[in-house]
Amino acid sequence: MSLELFNQLEQKVTDTVDALEMMKLENEELRGENAKLKEEREEWSVASTACSASSTASKPPARLRLRISALLP
């Protein structure tokens, strides 16, 4: 009877170790994906900043915008 209990315990320990190893692999994959997404977000942020800076630089002054908008229907 105690040998049977020992075998059950051993199987549970083995199953737990296997589950932990799978979780570790999944964690590594998710960390890699997270790093990739952070890099993509940073690239988008830089591109967005550059785009908004260039569009801001090309806008006419506020007085001129008001005059232009008054001329438009």
Protein backbone atom coordinates (compact mmCIF):
# COMPACT_ATOMS: atom_id res chain seq x y z
CA MET A 1 0.00 0.00 0.00
CA SER A 2 2.75 2.52 0.85
CA LEU A 3 4.56 1.66 -2.39
CA GLU A 4 1.37 2.52 -4.27
CA LEU A 5 1.12 5.85 -2.45
CA PHE A 6 4.77 6.56 -3.16
CA ASN A 7 4.23 5.86 -6.87
CA GLN A 8 1.22 8.20 -6.92
CA LEU A 9 3.22 10.92 -5.22
CA GLU A 10 6.11 10.42 -7.61
CA GLN A 11 3.72 10.72 -10.57
CA LYS A 12 2.25 13.92 -9.17
CA VAL A 13 5.71 15.40 -8.70
CA THR A 14 6.68 14.42 -12.25
CA ASP A 15 3.47 15.94 -13.63
CA THR A 16 4.10 19.15 -11.68
CA VAL A 17 7.68 19.44 -12.91
CA ASP A 18 6.50 18.89 -16.50
CA ALA A 19 3.80 21.55 -16.09
CA LEU A 20 6.36 24.01 -14.66
CA GLU A 21 8.72 23.39 -17.58
CA MET A 22 5.89 24.05 -20.06
CA MET A 23 4.97 27.25 -18.21
CA LYS A 24 8.60 28.35 -18.29
CA LEU A 25 8.75 27.84 -22.07
CA GLU A 26 5.48 29.72 -22.54
CA ASN A 27 6.76 32.53 -20.32
CA GLU A 28 9.93 32.84 -22.43
CA GLU A 29 7.83 32.99 -25.62
CA LEU A 30 5.56 35.65 -24.14
CA ARG A 31 8.51 37.72 -22.97
CA GLY A 32 9.96 37.60 -26.49
CA GLU A 33 6.62 38.60 -28.00
CA ASN A 34 6.25 41.39 -25.45
CA ALA A 35 9.71 42.74 -26.28
CA LYS A 36 8.85 42.67 -29.99
CA LEU A 37 5.57 44.53 -29.39
CA LYS A 38 7.31 47.13 -27.22
CA GLU A 39 9.82 47.72 -30.01
CA GLU A 40 7.01 48.09 -32.57
CA ARG A 41 5.19 50.52 -30.26
CA GLU A 42 8.35 52.58 -29.88
CA GLU A 43 8.80 52.69 -33.66
CA TRP A 44 5.19 53.83 -34.08
CA SER A 45 5.66 56.43 -31.37
CA VAL A 46 8.77 57.84 -33.05
CA ALA A 47 7.06 57.84 -36.46
CA SER A 48 3.97 59.49 -35.00
CA THR A 49 6.03 62.18 -33.29
CA ALA A 50 7.95 62.87 -36.48
CA CYS A 51 4.72 63.01 -38.48
CA SER A 52 3.00 65.40 -36.07
CA ALA A 53 6.10 67.58 -35.88
CA SER A 54 6.27 67.88 -39.65
CA SER A 55 2.55 68.62 -39.94
CA THR A 56 2.79 71.24 -37.20
CA ALA A 57 5.70 72.92 -38.95
CA SER A 58 3.73 73.20 -42.20
CA LYS A 59 0.63 74.83 -40.65
CA PRO A 60 0.18 78.52 -41.29
CA PRO A 61 0.06 80.92 -38.32
CA ALA A 62 -3.26 81.22 -36.46
CA ARG A 63 -4.09 84.68 -37.91
CA LEU A 64 -3.61 83.39 -41.44
CA ARG A 65 -5.69 80.29 -40.73
CA LEU A 66 -8.54 82.52 -39.54
CA ARG A 67 -8.31 84.62 -42.70
CA ILE A 68 -8.24 81.53 -44.90
CA SER A 69 -11.21 79.99 -43.08
CA ALA A 70 -13.16 83.24 -43.53
CA LEU A 71 -12.64 83.01 -47.29
CA LEU A 72 -13.78 79.41 -47.52
CA PRO A 73 -17.48 78.61 -47.97
